[in-house]
Amino acid sequence: MYFAALLARTEDGWEASDTELDDVETLSDLTDLAREASAGAAGLADEETVLVYIEQEDAWFGLLRVDGEDDPRIYVSDAVAAARSSYGEILLTDELLGRVPGPEDPSADLDTLDLDGTEDGEPEATPADAATGEEDTDESGATVPAGPLGDTAILADLGLSEPDLLALEGADALSEIAEALGVAEVLEAVR
């Protein structure tokens, strides 16, 4: 069971709505959905912040943040659990997973070391990998690191610090995010 909510910051505060993801197949679709919703929100300027929250029961949650026309920012609480979910796969982009461009990309043929010292195509270890040693693979066979993944500072300027975000788990995550943003009452109306 999934729950998805959209939070748009307006001149008058935050507006919340639940959202359907039936027609969303890619990150671009999800970003467009957020931007379209912001265009329809009263008092919302083009550069305002829109958050999309996606949750699968107690398994994982993800956040997508869109600030105007900037590239979206993403955070996923458990990449392995999200990789097993159709909506989670939308958030787990190649860039977020640190995947090397495919052979169709001319830059993939470069025979150099990355700046971090790994060979091109060699996956980088993440702190979660080092701590747990756990990984999984997605449908394409690519490695997905265990634990949180993405922009841990996604809500820092809105009142939820990186350590607090990393500590969130399960069904209480949305409530705690809403409390930190000051939108608990608004969000409760759509939950």
C-alpha atoms as a PDB file:
ATOM      1  CA  MET A   1       0.000   0.000   0.000  1.00  0.00           C
ATOM      2  CA  TYR A   2       1.330   3.398  -1.001  1.00  0.00           C
ATOM      3  CA  PHE A   3       0.614   6.880   0.219  1.00  0.00           C
ATOM      4  CA  ALA A   4       1.727   9.973  -1.666  1.00  0.00           C
ATOM      5  CA  ALA A   5       1.306  13.593  -0.620  1.00  0.00           C
ATOM      6  CA  LEU A   6       2.259  16.850  -2.202  1.00  0.00           C
ATOM      7  CA  LEU A   7       3.237  19.883  -0.103  1.00  0.00           C
ATOM      8  CA  ALA A   8       3.521  23.253  -1.785  1.00  0.00           C
ATOM      9  CA  ARG A   9       4.871  26.305   0.026  1.00  0.00           C
ATOM     10  CA  THR A  10       2.840  29.415  -0.757  1.00  0.00           C
ATOM     11  CA  GLU A  11       2.886  33.014   0.423  1.00  0.00           C
ATOM     12  CA  ASP A  12       0.217  32.005   2.964  1.00  0.00           C
ATOM     13  CA  GLY A  13       2.021  28.902   4.262  1.00  0.00           C
ATOM     14  CA  TRP A  14       1.991  25.290   3.139  1.00  0.00           C
ATOM     15  CA  GLU A  15      -0.793  23.638   1.127  1.00  0.00           C
ATOM     16  CA  ALA A  16      -1.098  19.861   1.208  1.00  0.00           C
ATOM     17  CA  SER A  17      -2.880  17.394  -1.025  1.00  0.00           C
ATOM     18  CA  ASP A  18      -2.763  13.676  -1.538  1.00  0.00           C
ATOM     19  CA  THR A  19      -1.712  12.763  -5.032  1.00  0.00           C
ATOM     20  CA  GLU A  20      -2.223   9.853  -7.383  1.00  0.00           C
ATOM     21  CA  LEU A  21       0.845   8.348  -9.001  1.00  0.00           C
ATOM     22  CA  ASP A  22      -0.979   6.110 -11.495  1.00  0.00           C
ATOM     23  CA  ASP A  23       0.307   8.042 -14.531  1.00  0.00           C
ATOM     24  CA  VAL A  24       3.829   8.549 -13.154  1.00  0.00           C
ATOM     25  CA  GLU A  25       6.441   6.312 -14.765  1.00  0.00           C
ATOM     26  CA  THR A  26       9.651   8.341 -14.566  1.00  0.00           C
ATOM     27  CA  LEU A  27      11.346  10.918 -12.369  1.00  0.00           C
ATOM     28  CA  SER A  28      10.587  13.475 -15.060  1.00  0.00           C
ATOM     29  CA  ASP A  29       6.852  12.622 -14.795  1.00  0.00           C
ATOM     30  CA  LEU A  30       6.987  13.024 -11.014  1.00  0.00           C
ATOM     31  CA  THR A  31       8.840  16.337 -11.294  1.00  0.00           C
ATOM     32  CA  ASP A  32       6.300  17.581 -13.840  1.00  0.00           C
ATOM     33  CA  LEU A  33       3.465  16.532 -11.506  1.00  0.00           C
ATOM     34  CA  ALA A  34       5.006  18.603  -8.718  1.00  0.00           C
ATOM     35  CA  ARG A  35       5.521  21.614 -10.967  1.00  0.00           C
ATOM     36  CA  GLU A  36       1.966  21.378 -12.338  1.00  0.00           C
ATOM     37  CA  ALA A  37       0.551  21.173  -8.832  1.00  0.00           C
ATOM     38  CA  SER A  38       2.561  24.219  -7.825  1.00  0.00           C
ATOM     39  CA  ALA A  39       1.254  26.135 -10.820  1.00  0.00           C
ATOM     40  CA  GLY A  40      -2.274  25.442  -9.597  1.00  0.00           C
ATOM     41  CA  ALA A  41      -1.623  26.433  -5.980  1.00  0.00           C
ATOM     42  CA  ALA A  42      -2.938  29.852  -5.061  1.00  0.00           C
ATOM     43  CA  GLY A  43      -0.243  32.329  -4.086  1.00  0.00           C
ATOM     44  CA  LEU A  44       2.620  30.117  -5.234  1.00  0.00           C
ATOM     45  CA  ALA A  45       5.422  31.800  -7.126  1.00  0.00           C
ATOM     46  CA  ASP A  46       7.346  29.849  -9.764  1.00  0.00           C
ATOM     47  CA  GLU A  47      10.444  29.570  -7.558  1.00  0.00           C
ATOM     48  CA  GLU A  48       8.633  28.218  -4.497  1.00  0.00           C
ATOM     49  CA  THR A  49       9.315  24.815  -2.971  1.00  0.00           C
ATOM     50  CA  VAL A  50       7.193  21.755  -3.664  1.00  0.00           C
ATOM     51  CA  LEU A  51       7.749  18.458  -1.822  1.00  0.00           C
ATOM     52  CA  VAL A  52       6.434  15.074  -2.901  1.00  0.00           C
ATOM     53  CA  TYR A  53       6.346  12.451  -0.156  1.00  0.00           C
ATOM     54  CA  ILE A  54       5.948   8.775  -1.116  1.00  0.00           C
ATOM     55  CA  GLU A  55       5.623   6.018   1.456  1.00  0.00           C
ATOM     56  CA  GLN A  56       5.203   2.267   1.158  1.00  0.00           C
ATOM     57  CA  GLU A  57       3.729   1.085   4.435  1.00  0.00           C
ATOM     58  CA  ASP A  58       6.591   0.802   6.911  1.00  0.00           C
ATOM     59  CA  ALA A  59       9.161  -0.358   4.347  1.00  0.00           C
ATOM     60  CA  TRP A  60      10.527   2.955   3.019  1.00  0.00           C
ATOM     61  CA  PHE A  61       9.727   6.575   2.247  1.00  0.00           C
ATOM     62  CA  GLY A  62      11.070   8.970  -0.320  1.00  0.00           C
ATOM     63  CA  LEU A  63      11.126  12.715  -0.789  1.00  0.00           C
ATOM     64  CA  LEU A  64      11.348  14.687  -3.992  1.00  0.00           C
ATOM     65  CA  ARG A  65      11.973  18.418  -3.672  1.00  0.00           C
ATOM     66  CA  VAL A  66      11.408  20.785  -6.555  1.00  0.00           C
ATOM     67  CA  ASP A  67      12.462  24.425  -6.199  1.00  0.00           C
ATOM     68  CA  GLY A  68      11.230  26.274  -9.296  1.00  0.00           C
ATOM     69  CA  GLU A  69      13.123  25.114 -12.363  1.00  0.00           C
ATOM     70  CA  ASP A  70      16.101  23.744 -10.394  1.00  0.00           C
ATOM     71  CA  ASP A  71      16.959  20.064 -10.732  1.00  0.00           C
ATOM     72  CA  PRO A  72      14.920  17.967  -8.308  1.00  0.00           C
ATOM     73  CA  ARG A  73      16.518  16.798  -5.076  1.00  0.00           C
ATOM     74  CA  ILE A  74      15.847  13.264  -3.849  1.00  0.00           C
ATOM     75  CA  TYR A  75      16.100  11.360  -0.587  1.00  0.00           C
ATOM     76  CA  VAL A  76      15.132   7.701  -0.048  1.00  0.00           C
ATOM     77  CA  SER A  77      15.068   6.212   3.473  1.00  0.00           C
ATOM     78  CA  ASP A  78      15.975   2.652   2.363  1.00  0.00           C
ATOM     79  CA  ALA A  79      17.330   2.201  -1.152  1.00  0.00           C
ATOM     80  CA  VAL A  80      17.116  -1.607  -1.123  1.00  0.00           C
ATOM     81  CA  ALA A  81      13.440  -1.601  -0.117  1.00  0.00           C
ATOM     82  CA  ALA A  82      12.682   1.168  -2.615  1.00  0.00           C
ATOM     83  CA  ALA A  83      14.408  -0.767  -5.424  1.00  0.00           C
ATOM     84  CA  ARG A  84      11.804  -3.499  -4.956  1.00  0.00           C
ATOM     85  CA  SER A  85       8.994  -0.993  -5.492  1.00  0.00           C
ATOM     86  CA  SER A  86       7.755   0.471  -8.757  1.00  0.00           C
ATOM     87  CA  TYR A  87       7.494   3.939  -7.212  1.00  0.00           C
ATOM     88  CA  GLY A  88      10.846   3.557  -5.497  1.00  0.00           C
ATOM     89  CA  GLU A  89      12.506   2.793  -8.807  1.00  0.00           C
ATOM     90  CA  ILE A  90      11.307   6.168 -10.076  1.00  0.00           C
ATOM     91  CA  LEU A  91      13.352   7.906  -7.367  1.00  0.00           C
ATOM     92  CA  LEU A  92      16.426   5.677  -7.678  1.00  0.00           C
ATOM     93  CA  THR A  93      18.004   7.324 -10.698  1.00  0.00           C
ATOM     94  CA  ASP A  94      21.323   6.298 -12.229  1.00  0.00           C
ATOM     95  CA  GLU A  95      22.851   9.496 -10.875  1.00  0.00           C
ATOM     96  CA  LEU A  96      21.572   8.819  -7.349  1.00  0.00           C
ATOM     97  CA  LEU A  97      22.898   5.252  -7.479  1.00  0.00           C
ATOM     98  CA  GLY A  98      26.249   6.383  -8.902  1.00  0.00           C
ATOM     99  CA  ARG A  99      25.888   4.288 -12.027  1.00  0.00           C
ATOM    100  CA  VAL A 100      28.310   4.769 -14.875  1.00  0.00           C
ATOM    101  CA  PRO A 101      26.815   5.889 -18.218  1.00  0.00           C
ATOM    102  CA  GLY A 102      25.941   3.058 -20.578  1.00  0.00           C
ATOM    103  CA  PRO A 103      27.887   2.173 -23.742  1.00  0.00           C
ATOM    104  CA  GLU A 104      25.585   4.364 -25.829  1.00  0.00           C
ATOM    105  CA  ASP A 105      27.151   7.365 -24.069  1.00  0.00           C
ATOM    106  CA  PRO A 106      30.390   8.384 -25.839  1.00  0.00           C
ATOM    107  CA  SER A 107      31.966   9.443 -22.540  1.00  0.00           C
ATOM    108  CA  ALA A 108      31.649   5.833 -21.292  1.00  0.00           C
ATOM    109  CA  ASP A 109      34.625   4.799 -23.427  1.00  0.00           C
ATOM    110  CA  LEU A 110      37.107   6.959 -21.515  1.00  0.00           C
ATOM    111  CA  ASP A 111      39.861   4.887 -19.913  1.00  0.00           C
ATOM    112  CA  THR A 112      40.698   7.042 -16.911  1.00  0.00           C
ATOM    113  CA  LEU A 113      40.465   6.989 -13.164  1.00  0.00           C
ATOM    114  CA  ASP A 114      37.643   8.841 -11.484  1.00  0.00           C
ATOM    115  CA  LEU A 115      38.648  11.583  -9.095  1.00  0.00           C
ATOM    116  CA  ASP A 116      37.874   9.309  -6.161  1.00  0.00           C
ATOM    117  CA  GLY A 117      40.473   6.778  -7.327  1.00  0.00           C
ATOM    118  CA  THR A 118      38.098   4.038  -8.485  1.00  0.00           C
ATOM    119  CA  GLU A 119      38.220   2.632 -11.972  1.00  0.00           C
ATOM    120  CA  ASP A 120      35.462   3.805 -14.317  1.00  0.00           C
ATOM    121  CA  GLY A 121      32.529   1.478 -13.828  1.00  0.00           C
ATOM    122  CA  GLU A 122      33.655   0.317 -10.388  1.00  0.00           C
ATOM    123  CA  PRO A 123      30.936   1.083  -7.840  1.00  0.00           C
ATOM    124  CA  GLU A 124      31.876   3.286  -4.930  1.00  0.00           C
ATOM    125  CA  ALA A 125      31.365   2.010  -1.411  1.00  0.00           C
ATOM    126  CA  THR A 126      28.932   4.036   0.649  1.00  0.00           C
ATOM    127  CA  PRO A 127      28.999   4.539   4.414  1.00  0.00           C
ATOM    128  CA  ALA A 128      25.939   2.276   4.623  1.00  0.00           C
ATOM    129  CA  ASP A 129      27.834  -0.483   2.768  1.00  0.00           C
ATOM    130  CA  ALA A 130      30.750  -0.200   5.133  1.00  0.00           C
ATOM    131  CA  ALA A 131      28.514  -0.312   8.182  1.00  0.00           C
ATOM    132  CA  THR A 132      26.260  -3.177   7.121  1.00  0.00           C
ATOM    133  CA  GLY A 133      28.015  -4.849   4.223  1.00  0.00           C
ATOM    134  CA  GLU A 134      24.555  -5.259   2.673  1.00  0.00           C
ATOM    135  CA  GLU A 135      23.644  -4.536  -0.924  1.00  0.00           C
ATOM    136  CA  ASP A 136      20.981  -5.658  -3.328  1.00  0.00           C
ATOM    137  CA  THR A 137      20.423  -5.435  -7.046  1.00  0.00           C
ATOM    138  CA  ASP A 138      17.611  -3.836  -8.991  1.00  0.00           C
ATOM    139  CA  GLU A 139      15.823  -5.272 -12.048  1.00  0.00           C
ATOM    140  CA  SER A 140      18.720  -4.312 -14.329  1.00  0.00           C
ATOM    141  CA  GLY A 141      21.167  -6.179 -12.081  1.00  0.00           C
ATOM    142  CA  ALA A 142      22.802  -2.970 -10.862  1.00  0.00           C
ATOM    143  CA  THR A 143      23.950  -2.793  -7.256  1.00  0.00           C
ATOM    144  CA  VAL A 144      21.771  -0.832  -4.834  1.00  0.00           C
ATOM    145  CA  PRO A 145      23.355   0.136  -1.494  1.00  0.00           C
ATOM    146  CA  ALA A 146      21.523  -0.619   1.725  1.00  0.00           C
ATOM    147  CA  GLY A 147      20.178   2.191   3.852  1.00  0.00           C
ATOM    148  CA  PRO A 148      19.402   5.831   3.158  1.00  0.00           C
ATOM    149  CA  LEU A 149      20.416   7.347  -0.148  1.00  0.00           C
ATOM    150  CA  GLY A 150      20.306  10.819  -1.620  1.00  0.00           C
ATOM    151  CA  ASP A 151      20.322  14.385  -0.378  1.00  0.00           C
ATOM    152  CA  THR A 152      20.252  14.186   3.420  1.00  0.00           C
ATOM    153  CA  ALA A 153      20.068  17.992   3.615  1.00  0.00           C
ATOM    154  CA  ILE A 154      16.867  18.066   1.540  1.00  0.00           C
ATOM    155  CA  LEU A 155      14.838  19.517   4.438  1.00  0.00           C
ATOM    156  CA  ALA A 156      17.598  21.166   6.486  1.00  0.00           C
ATOM    157  CA  ASP A 157      16.630  24.712   5.491  1.00  0.00           C
ATOM    158  CA  LEU A 158      12.977  23.903   6.241  1.00  0.00           C
ATOM    159  CA  GLY A 159      13.546  22.792   9.846  1.00  0.00           C
ATOM    160  CA  LEU A 160      14.564  19.108   9.701  1.00  0.00           C
ATOM    161  CA  SER A 161      18.297  18.527  10.152  1.00  0.00           C
ATOM    162  CA  GLU A 162      20.263  15.794   8.416  1.00  0.00           C
ATOM    163  CA  PRO A 163      20.651  13.649  11.588  1.00  0.00           C
ATOM    164  CA  ASP A 164      16.931  13.984  12.325  1.00  0.00           C
ATOM    165  CA  LEU A 165      16.018  12.945   8.764  1.00  0.00           C
ATOM    166  CA  LEU A 166      18.341   9.942   8.921  1.00  0.00           C
ATOM    167  CA  ALA A 167      16.737   8.864  12.217  1.00  0.00           C
ATOM    168  CA  LEU A 168      13.206   8.736  10.745  1.00  0.00           C
ATOM    169  CA  GLU A 169      11.672   5.332  10.217  1.00  0.00           C
ATOM    170  CA  GLY A 170       8.354   3.755   9.406  1.00  0.00           C
ATOM    171  CA  ALA A 171       4.902   5.183   9.788  1.00  0.00           C
ATOM    172  CA  ASP A 172       6.039   8.072  12.010  1.00  0.00           C
ATOM    173  CA  ALA A 173       8.288   9.588   9.322  1.00  0.00           C
ATOM    174  CA  LEU A 174       5.607  11.676   7.653  1.00  0.00           C
ATOM    175  CA  SER A 175       4.250  12.928  10.973  1.00  0.00           C
ATOM    176  CA  GLU A 176       7.708  13.993  12.126  1.00  0.00           C
ATOM    177  CA  ILE A 177       8.475  15.695   8.798  1.00  0.00           C
ATOM    178  CA  ALA A 178       5.123  17.508   8.950  1.00  0.00           C
ATOM    179  CA  GLU A 179       5.797  18.577  12.541  1.00  0.00           C
ATOM    180  CA  ALA A 180       9.243  19.958  11.625  1.00  0.00           C
ATOM    181  CA  LEU A 181       7.780  21.882   8.672  1.00  0.00           C
ATOM    182  CA  GLY A 182       4.866  23.148  10.751  1.00  0.00           C
ATOM    183  CA  VAL A 183       2.258  21.520   8.506  1.00  0.00           C
ATOM    184  CA  ALA A 184       0.959  18.718  10.726  1.00  0.00           C
ATOM    185  CA  GLU A 185      -2.623  19.994  10.762  1.00  0.00           C
ATOM    186  CA  VAL A 186      -2.659  20.713   7.019  1.00  0.00           C
ATOM    187  CA  LEU A 187      -1.259  17.300   6.173  1.00  0.00           C
ATOM    188  CA  GLU A 188      -3.563  15.455   8.570  1.00  0.00           C
ATOM    189  CA  ALA A 189      -6.507  16.681   6.497  1.00  0.00           C
ATOM    190  CA  VAL A 190      -5.253  14.728   3.450  1.00  0.00           C
ATOM    191  CA  ARG A 191      -3.953  11.662   5.280  1.00  0.00           C
END
